[in-house]
Amino acid sequence: MRAPKGSPIRNPRAGGPSEGLLRDFPERLEGDRFRPAADIFETAEAIVVRLELPGVLSDQVRVNVEGERLRISGVREPPGGSPPRRLHRMEIGFGPFERVISIPISFDKDEVRAHLENGFLDVTIPKRSSSRRQVEVQSK
């Protein structure tokens, strides 16, 4: 398995001791992007999309509503300090990320809200009221 594009990790000898470094990499890495974990759940009032984004600041995230899809993208910068001399395991993704999620309910795009706190981005998508309304029938 090859290191992600742009990664400082090199595997000079396939089958050598470093072969297993990236073998257990979860599906959270796609090419040169990482894929943050997401929970999607429903409350009585809304659909909530929660992304795990520790180390990401609010100005590093973009949330867009495109038709019936929610697009969350941004970048997580690696922490400062000296680069590793030898890497034994790499599971924390850095760099650009993007998640596109289809929203299966009718919602008001102007009411979507996003809040980033303690490493979690919550995007709240309020449901449209589906309550019935009786319409008065008028005559002349």
C-alpha atoms as a PDB file:
ATOM      1  CA  MET A   1       0.000   0.000   0.000  1.00  0.00           C
ATOM      2  CA  ARG A   2       1.288   3.437  -0.839  1.00  0.00           C
ATOM      3  CA  ALA A   3       1.428   6.442   1.430  1.00  0.00           C
ATOM      4  CA  PRO A   4      -1.125   9.189   0.790  1.00  0.00           C
ATOM      5  CA  LYS A   5      -0.192  11.765  -1.829  1.00  0.00           C
ATOM      6  CA  GLY A   6       1.814  14.545  -0.221  1.00  0.00           C
ATOM      7  CA  SER A   7       2.622  12.382   2.800  1.00  0.00           C
ATOM      8  CA  PRO A   8       6.131  12.549   4.250  1.00  0.00           C
ATOM      9  CA  ILE A   9       6.012   8.761   4.685  1.00  0.00           C
ATOM     10  CA  ARG A  10       7.944   6.748   2.131  1.00  0.00           C
ATOM     11  CA  ASN A  11       8.135   3.003   1.833  1.00  0.00           C
ATOM     12  CA  PRO A  12      11.522   2.395   0.226  1.00  0.00           C
ATOM     13  CA  ARG A  13      11.249  -1.401   0.440  1.00  0.00           C
ATOM     14  CA  ALA A  14       7.914  -2.999  -0.281  1.00  0.00           C
ATOM     15  CA  GLY A  15       7.615  -5.974   2.010  1.00  0.00           C
ATOM     16  CA  GLY A  16      10.060  -4.407   4.456  1.00  0.00           C
ATOM     17  CA  PRO A  17       9.422  -3.495   8.088  1.00  0.00           C
ATOM     18  CA  SER A  18       7.453  -0.395   7.130  1.00  0.00           C
ATOM     19  CA  GLU A  19       4.993  -2.320   4.971  1.00  0.00           C
ATOM     20  CA  GLY A  20       2.409  -2.601   7.760  1.00  0.00           C
ATOM     21  CA  LEU A  21       2.422   1.092   8.646  1.00  0.00           C
ATOM     22  CA  LEU A  22      -0.425   1.971   6.333  1.00  0.00           C
ATOM     23  CA  ARG A  23      -2.082  -1.442   6.034  1.00  0.00           C
ATOM     24  CA  ASP A  24      -4.579  -0.774   8.817  1.00  0.00           C
ATOM     25  CA  PHE A  25      -5.482   2.667   7.544  1.00  0.00           C
ATOM     26  CA  PRO A  26      -9.262   2.909   7.774  1.00  0.00           C
ATOM     27  CA  GLU A  27     -11.495   4.060   4.949  1.00  0.00           C
ATOM     28  CA  ARG A  28     -11.171   7.529   6.441  1.00  0.00           C
ATOM     29  CA  LEU A  29      -8.414   8.317   3.930  1.00  0.00           C
ATOM     30  CA  GLU A  30      -9.251   8.858   0.272  1.00  0.00           C
ATOM     31  CA  GLY A  31      -6.257   9.786  -1.836  1.00  0.00           C
ATOM     32  CA  ASP A  32      -4.834  13.004  -0.454  1.00  0.00           C
ATOM     33  CA  ARG A  33      -8.000  13.749   1.568  1.00  0.00           C
ATOM     34  CA  PHE A  34      -9.162  12.386   4.870  1.00  0.00           C
ATOM     35  CA  ARG A  35     -12.769  11.551   5.657  1.00  0.00           C
ATOM     36  CA  PRO A  36     -13.902  12.691   9.103  1.00  0.00           C
ATOM     37  CA  ALA A  37     -16.244  10.351  10.965  1.00  0.00           C
ATOM     38  CA  ALA A  38     -19.898  11.398  10.819  1.00  0.00           C
ATOM     39  CA  ASP A  39     -23.066  10.651  12.768  1.00  0.00           C
ATOM     40  CA  ILE A  40     -26.424  11.494  11.221  1.00  0.00           C
ATOM     41  CA  PHE A  41     -29.473  11.355  13.433  1.00  0.00           C
ATOM     42  CA  GLU A  42     -32.989  12.701  13.685  1.00  0.00           C
ATOM     43  CA  THR A  43     -34.714  14.527  16.491  1.00  0.00           C
ATOM     44  CA  ALA A  44     -38.365  15.573  16.653  1.00  0.00           C
ATOM     45  CA  GLU A  45     -37.453  18.933  15.104  1.00  0.00           C
ATOM     46  CA  ALA A  46     -34.434  18.320  12.882  1.00  0.00           C
ATOM     47  CA  ILE A  47     -31.884  16.135  11.151  1.00  0.00           C
ATOM     48  CA  VAL A  48     -28.452  16.586  12.758  1.00  0.00           C
ATOM     49  CA  VAL A  49     -25.193  15.861  10.968  1.00  0.00           C
ATOM     50  CA  ARG A  50     -22.271  15.636  13.399  1.00  0.00           C
ATOM     51  CA  LEU A  51     -18.674  15.477  12.169  1.00  0.00           C
ATOM     52  CA  GLU A  52     -15.663  14.669  14.304  1.00  0.00           C
ATOM     53  CA  LEU A  53     -13.206  17.517  13.622  1.00  0.00           C
ATOM     54  CA  PRO A  54     -10.696  17.901  16.469  1.00  0.00           C
ATOM     55  CA  GLY A  55      -8.034  20.466  15.717  1.00  0.00           C
ATOM     56  CA  VAL A  56     -10.149  22.253  13.098  1.00  0.00           C
ATOM     57  CA  LEU A  57     -11.039  25.907  13.598  1.00  0.00           C
ATOM     58  CA  SER A  58     -14.329  27.398  12.421  1.00  0.00           C
ATOM     59  CA  ASP A  59     -12.603  29.463   9.717  1.00  0.00           C
ATOM     60  CA  GLN A  60     -11.182  26.208   8.272  1.00  0.00           C
ATOM     61  CA  VAL A  61     -14.656  24.729   7.605  1.00  0.00           C
ATOM     62  CA  ARG A  62     -17.238  25.487   4.925  1.00  0.00           C
ATOM     63  CA  VAL A  63     -20.845  24.260   5.045  1.00  0.00           C
ATOM     64  CA  ASN A  64     -22.912  24.600   1.874  1.00  0.00           C
ATOM     65  CA  VAL A  65     -26.441  23.514   1.039  1.00  0.00           C
ATOM     66  CA  GLU A  66     -26.719  22.476  -2.602  1.00  0.00           C
ATOM     67  CA  GLY A  67     -30.255  21.418  -3.441  1.00  0.00           C
ATOM     68  CA  GLU A  68     -30.957  18.390  -1.234  1.00  0.00           C
ATOM     69  CA  ARG A  69     -27.307  17.843  -0.377  1.00  0.00           C
ATOM     70  CA  LEU A  70     -25.137  19.142   2.414  1.00  0.00           C
ATOM     71  CA  ARG A  71     -21.465  19.691   1.514  1.00  0.00           C
ATOM     72  CA  ILE A  72     -19.003  20.071   4.399  1.00  0.00           C
ATOM     73  CA  SER A  73     -15.406  20.746   3.466  1.00  0.00           C
ATOM     74  CA  GLY A  74     -12.286  22.247   4.929  1.00  0.00           C
ATOM     75  CA  VAL A  75      -8.777  21.501   6.045  1.00  0.00           C
ATOM     76  CA  ARG A  76      -7.112  20.213   9.194  1.00  0.00           C
ATOM     77  CA  GLU A  77      -3.536  21.372   9.573  1.00  0.00           C
ATOM     78  CA  PRO A  78      -0.983  19.065  11.194  1.00  0.00           C
ATOM     79  CA  PRO A  79       0.265  20.207  14.582  1.00  0.00           C
ATOM     80  CA  GLY A  80       3.544  22.086  14.699  1.00  0.00           C
ATOM     81  CA  GLY A  81       6.773  20.670  15.980  1.00  0.00           C
ATOM     82  CA  SER A  82       9.512  18.642  14.433  1.00  0.00           C
ATOM     83  CA  PRO A  83       8.511  16.080  11.813  1.00  0.00           C
ATOM     84  CA  PRO A  84       8.604  12.439  12.875  1.00  0.00           C
ATOM     85  CA  ARG A  85      11.841  10.607  12.214  1.00  0.00           C
ATOM     86  CA  ARG A  86      10.189   7.205  12.088  1.00  0.00           C
ATOM     87  CA  LEU A  87       6.466   6.594  11.943  1.00  0.00           C
ATOM     88  CA  HIS A  88       5.089   3.459  13.562  1.00  0.00           C
ATOM     89  CA  ARG A  89       1.381   4.011  12.959  1.00  0.00           C
ATOM     90  CA  MET A  90      -0.642   6.726  11.257  1.00  0.00           C
ATOM     91  CA  GLU A  91      -4.392   6.970  11.856  1.00  0.00           C
ATOM     92  CA  ILE A  92      -4.980  10.701  12.284  1.00  0.00           C
ATOM     93  CA  GLY A  93      -5.713  12.362   8.971  1.00  0.00           C
ATOM     94  CA  PHE A  94      -4.594  15.862   8.092  1.00  0.00           C
ATOM     95  CA  GLY A  95      -5.111  18.019   5.042  1.00  0.00           C
ATOM     96  CA  PRO A  96      -8.284  18.686   3.094  1.00  0.00           C
ATOM     97  CA  PHE A  97     -11.554  16.902   3.808  1.00  0.00           C
ATOM     98  CA  GLU A  98     -15.024  16.815   2.317  1.00  0.00           C
ATOM     99  CA  ARG A  99     -18.286  15.041   3.110  1.00  0.00           C
ATOM    100  CA  VAL A 100     -21.365  15.275   0.894  1.00  0.00           C
ATOM    101  CA  ILE A 101     -24.555  14.050   2.523  1.00  0.00           C
ATOM    102  CA  SER A 102     -28.002  13.727   0.943  1.00  0.00           C
ATOM    103  CA  ILE A 103     -30.800  14.962   3.185  1.00  0.00           C
ATOM    104  CA  PRO A 104     -33.919  12.813   2.697  1.00  0.00           C
ATOM    105  CA  ILE A 105     -36.474  15.294   4.055  1.00  0.00           C
ATOM    106  CA  SER A 106     -37.910  18.599   2.981  1.00  0.00           C
ATOM    107  CA  PHE A 107     -36.145  21.457   4.769  1.00  0.00           C
ATOM    108  CA  ASP A 108     -35.727  25.225   4.649  1.00  0.00           C
ATOM    109  CA  LYS A 109     -32.218  25.962   3.390  1.00  0.00           C
ATOM    110  CA  ASP A 110     -32.219  29.358   5.138  1.00  0.00           C
ATOM    111  CA  GLU A 111     -32.712  27.721   8.554  1.00  0.00           C
ATOM    112  CA  VAL A 112     -29.707  25.352   8.440  1.00  0.00           C
ATOM    113  CA  ARG A 113     -27.269  26.119  11.277  1.00  0.00           C
ATOM    114  CA  ALA A 114     -23.714  24.926  11.975  1.00  0.00           C
ATOM    115  CA  HIS A 115     -21.897  24.984  15.310  1.00  0.00           C
ATOM    116  CA  LEU A 116     -18.323  23.854  16.013  1.00  0.00           C
ATOM    117  CA  GLU A 117     -17.408  23.101  19.618  1.00  0.00           C
ATOM    118  CA  ASN A 118     -15.025  20.711  21.381  1.00  0.00           C
ATOM    119  CA  GLY A 119     -13.947  19.082  18.118  1.00  0.00           C
ATOM    120  CA  PHE A 120     -17.474  18.363  16.867  1.00  0.00           C
ATOM    121  CA  LEU A 121     -19.282  20.179  14.075  1.00  0.00           C
ATOM    122  CA  ASP A 122     -23.073  19.950  14.423  1.00  0.00           C
ATOM    123  CA  VAL A 123     -25.114  20.936  11.389  1.00  0.00           C
ATOM    124  CA  THR A 124     -28.785  21.217  12.325  1.00  0.00           C
ATOM    125  CA  ILE A 125     -31.294  20.944   9.506  1.00  0.00           C
ATOM    126  CA  PRO A 126     -34.777  21.852  10.791  1.00  0.00           C
ATOM    127  CA  LYS A 127     -37.652  19.792   9.428  1.00  0.00           C
ATOM    128  CA  ARG A 128     -40.434  21.582   7.653  1.00  0.00           C
ATOM    129  CA  SER A 129     -43.720  21.340   9.440  1.00  0.00           C
ATOM    130  CA  SER A 130     -45.817  18.557   8.008  1.00  0.00           C
ATOM    131  CA  SER A 131     -48.782  19.305  10.215  1.00  0.00           C
ATOM    132  CA  ARG A 132     -52.149  19.440   8.594  1.00  0.00           C
ATOM    133  CA  ARG A 133     -54.054  22.643   8.282  1.00  0.00           C
ATOM    134  CA  GLN A 134     -57.726  22.883   7.648  1.00  0.00           C
ATOM    135  CA  VAL A 135     -58.533  25.334   4.908  1.00  0.00           C
ATOM    136  CA  GLU A 136     -61.761  27.280   5.208  1.00  0.00           C
ATOM    137  CA  VAL A 137     -64.018  26.917   2.219  1.00  0.00           C
ATOM    138  CA  GLN A 138     -65.572  30.205   1.167  1.00  0.00           C
ATOM    139  CA  SER A 139     -68.557  30.846  -1.058  1.00  0.00           C
ATOM    140  CA  LYS A 140     -70.106  33.896  -2.707  1.00  0.00           C
END
